[in-house]
Amino acid sequence: VGSGTSMSVPHVVGLAGLLFAQNISRDNVKVRAIIEKTADNLGALGWDKYFGCGRFNVNAALNYVPSVPTPTPACVVVSGACNCNGKCGLNETQSTCADCQ
């Protein structure tokens, strides 16, 4: 029975391979971030010198869905009028704005 980094490296590489196979557009930075974000924390909260990021969690890593920020529209409809500060090119007093829909 082995332990330590000699035993953990093949397991982490296996998980990395699964993550690459799951989405071929991922690069090594994204795969590493997924493994670190989904690891089960051990010891002190967050990274520590004894456990690093923690114990990797294959199920959490393979089911990880990154949060996507909600895009901000170029203009906002306020009280039925376009209020975009001229960004959409329409008169701000018009009741509809193509960029707001």
C-alpha atoms as a PDB file:
ATOM      1  CA  VAL A   1       0.000   0.000   0.000  1.00  0.00           C
ATOM      2  CA  GLY A   2       1.421   3.355  -1.018  1.00  0.00           C
ATOM      3  CA  SER A   3       0.834   6.833   0.280  1.00  0.00           C
ATOM      4  CA  GLY A   4       1.903  10.423  -0.309  1.00  0.00           C
ATOM      5  CA  THR A   5       2.487  12.207  -3.586  1.00  0.00           C
ATOM      6  CA  SER A   6       3.718   9.062  -5.342  1.00  0.00           C
ATOM      7  CA  MET A   7       0.303   7.531  -4.795  1.00  0.00           C
ATOM      8  CA  SER A   8      -1.794  10.666  -5.352  1.00  0.00           C
ATOM      9  CA  VAL A   9      -0.286  11.816  -8.661  1.00  0.00           C
ATOM     10  CA  PRO A  10      -1.746   8.989 -10.779  1.00  0.00           C
ATOM     11  CA  HIS A  11      -5.193   9.593  -9.266  1.00  0.00           C
ATOM     12  CA  VAL A  12      -5.113  13.349  -9.892  1.00  0.00           C
ATOM     13  CA  VAL A  13      -3.837  12.793 -13.429  1.00  0.00           C
ATOM     14  CA  GLY A  14      -6.727  10.389 -13.997  1.00  0.00           C
ATOM     15  CA  LEU A  15      -9.205  13.046 -12.861  1.00  0.00           C
ATOM     16  CA  ALA A  16      -7.509  15.654 -15.054  1.00  0.00           C
ATOM     17  CA  GLY A  17      -7.837  13.285 -18.019  1.00  0.00           C
ATOM     18  CA  LEU A  18     -11.547  12.848 -17.332  1.00  0.00           C
ATOM     19  CA  LEU A  19     -12.021  16.620 -17.144  1.00  0.00           C
ATOM     20  CA  PHE A  20     -10.172  17.131 -20.444  1.00  0.00           C
ATOM     21  CA  ALA A  21     -12.225  14.361 -22.077  1.00  0.00           C
ATOM     22  CA  GLN A  22     -15.431  15.907 -20.754  1.00  0.00           C
ATOM     23  CA  ASN A  23     -14.642  19.237 -22.438  1.00  0.00           C
ATOM     24  CA  ILE A  24     -11.757  19.375 -24.926  1.00  0.00           C
ATOM     25  CA  SER A  25     -11.740  23.184 -24.911  1.00  0.00           C
ATOM     26  CA  ARG A  26     -10.421  23.243 -21.329  1.00  0.00           C
ATOM     27  CA  ASP A  27      -6.791  24.079 -20.777  1.00  0.00           C
ATOM     28  CA  ASN A  28      -4.578  23.013 -17.875  1.00  0.00           C
ATOM     29  CA  VAL A  29      -5.332  26.213 -15.939  1.00  0.00           C
ATOM     30  CA  LYS A  30      -9.092  25.563 -16.065  1.00  0.00           C
ATOM     31  CA  VAL A  31      -8.694  21.895 -15.137  1.00  0.00           C
ATOM     32  CA  ARG A  32      -6.462  22.754 -12.182  1.00  0.00           C
ATOM     33  CA  ALA A  33      -8.945  25.403 -11.011  1.00  0.00           C
ATOM     34  CA  ILE A  34     -11.828  22.907 -11.162  1.00  0.00           C
ATOM     35  CA  ILE A  35      -9.882  20.322  -9.162  1.00  0.00           C
ATOM     36  CA  GLU A  36      -8.918  22.908  -6.543  1.00  0.00           C
ATOM     37  CA  LYS A  37     -12.405  24.506  -6.288  1.00  0.00           C
ATOM     38  CA  THR A  38     -14.180  21.181  -5.871  1.00  0.00           C
ATOM     39  CA  ALA A  39     -11.746  19.573  -3.420  1.00  0.00           C
ATOM     40  CA  ASP A  40     -13.029  18.571   0.012  1.00  0.00           C
ATOM     41  CA  ASN A  41     -11.392  20.884   2.518  1.00  0.00           C
ATOM     42  CA  LEU A  42      -9.304  19.158   5.181  1.00  0.00           C
ATOM     43  CA  GLY A  43      -7.586  20.783   8.144  1.00  0.00           C
ATOM     44  CA  ALA A  44      -7.673  24.578   8.323  1.00  0.00           C
ATOM     45  CA  LEU A  45     -10.219  26.348   6.124  1.00  0.00           C
ATOM     46  CA  GLY A  46      -8.798  26.941   2.642  1.00  0.00           C
ATOM     47  CA  TRP A  47      -5.284  26.042   1.544  1.00  0.00           C
ATOM     48  CA  ASP A  48      -2.879  24.951   4.263  1.00  0.00           C
ATOM     49  CA  LYS A  49       0.611  23.483   4.356  1.00  0.00           C
ATOM     50  CA  TYR A  50      -0.556  20.049   5.536  1.00  0.00           C
ATOM     51  CA  PHE A  51      -3.459  19.358   3.156  1.00  0.00           C
ATOM     52  CA  GLY A  52      -3.032  21.910   0.353  1.00  0.00           C
ATOM     53  CA  CYS A  53      -6.465  22.439  -1.228  1.00  0.00           C
ATOM     54  CA  GLY A  54      -7.757  19.240   0.374  1.00  0.00           C
ATOM     55  CA  ARG A  55      -8.810  15.860  -0.964  1.00  0.00           C
ATOM     56  CA  PHE A  56      -9.903  15.944  -4.595  1.00  0.00           C
ATOM     57  CA  ASN A  57     -13.513  15.010  -5.209  1.00  0.00           C
ATOM     58  CA  VAL A  58     -14.088  13.266  -8.542  1.00  0.00           C
ATOM     59  CA  ASN A  59     -17.882  13.536  -8.447  1.00  0.00           C
ATOM     60  CA  ALA A  60     -17.847  17.246  -7.579  1.00  0.00           C
ATOM     61  CA  ALA A  61     -15.205  17.981 -10.228  1.00  0.00           C
ATOM     62  CA  LEU A  62     -17.059  16.163 -13.010  1.00  0.00           C
ATOM     63  CA  ASN A  63     -20.333  17.891 -12.071  1.00  0.00           C
ATOM     64  CA  TYR A  64     -18.794  21.347 -11.618  1.00  0.00           C
ATOM     65  CA  VAL A  65     -20.578  24.107 -13.494  1.00  0.00           C
ATOM     66  CA  PRO A  66     -18.788  27.472 -13.328  1.00  0.00           C
ATOM     67  CA  SER A  67     -20.931  30.464 -12.489  1.00  0.00           C
ATOM     68  CA  VAL A  68     -21.562  32.693 -15.468  1.00  0.00           C
ATOM     69  CA  PRO A  69     -22.035  36.393 -14.767  1.00  0.00           C
ATOM     70  CA  THR A  70     -25.308  37.868 -15.936  1.00  0.00           C
ATOM     71  CA  PRO A  71     -24.648  40.298 -18.789  1.00  0.00           C
ATOM     72  CA  THR A  72     -25.608  43.896 -18.167  1.00  0.00           C
ATOM     73  CA  PRO A  73     -27.796  45.350 -20.909  1.00  0.00           C
ATOM     74  CA  ALA A  74     -26.535  48.416 -22.784  1.00  0.00           C
ATOM     75  CA  CYS A  75     -29.634  50.311 -21.672  1.00  0.00           C
ATOM     76  CA  VAL A  76     -32.447  49.923 -19.179  1.00  0.00           C
ATOM     77  CA  VAL A  77     -36.158  50.555 -19.559  1.00  0.00           C
ATOM     78  CA  VAL A  78     -37.237  52.890 -16.771  1.00  0.00           C
ATOM     79  CA  SER A  79     -40.919  53.762 -16.385  1.00  0.00           C
ATOM     80  CA  GLY A  80     -41.607  52.579 -19.926  1.00  0.00           C
ATOM     81  CA  ALA A  81     -38.894  54.745 -21.510  1.00  0.00           C
ATOM     82  CA  CYS A  82     -35.428  53.861 -22.760  1.00  0.00           C
ATOM     83  CA  ASN A  83     -32.787  55.210 -20.410  1.00  0.00           C
ATOM     84  CA  CYS A  84     -29.500  54.276 -22.037  1.00  0.00           C
ATOM     85  CA  ASN A  85     -27.637  57.572 -22.019  1.00  0.00           C
ATOM     86  CA  GLY A  86     -27.444  57.486 -25.816  1.00  0.00           C
ATOM     87  CA  LYS A  87     -25.640  54.118 -25.998  1.00  0.00           C
ATOM     88  CA  CYS A  88     -28.310  52.489 -28.157  1.00  0.00           C
ATOM     89  CA  GLY A  89     -28.671  55.412 -30.533  1.00  0.00           C
ATOM     90  CA  LEU A  90     -32.415  55.789 -29.944  1.00  0.00           C
ATOM     91  CA  ASN A  91     -34.175  58.783 -28.461  1.00  0.00           C
ATOM     92  CA  GLU A  92     -34.330  58.232 -24.710  1.00  0.00           C
ATOM     93  CA  THR A  93     -37.995  59.248 -24.644  1.00  0.00           C
ATOM     94  CA  GLN A  94     -39.063  56.373 -26.909  1.00  0.00           C
ATOM     95  CA  SER A  95     -41.053  53.665 -25.159  1.00  0.00           C
ATOM     96  CA  THR A  96     -39.009  50.764 -26.555  1.00  0.00           C
ATOM     97  CA  CYS A  97     -35.339  50.191 -27.162  1.00  0.00           C
ATOM     98  CA  ALA A  98     -33.991  47.331 -29.273  1.00  0.00           C
ATOM     99  CA  ASP A  99     -30.959  46.903 -27.000  1.00  0.00           C
ATOM    100  CA  CYS A 100     -33.146  46.543 -23.901  1.00  0.00           C
ATOM    101  CA  GLN A 101     -35.140  43.567 -25.186  1.00  0.00           C
END
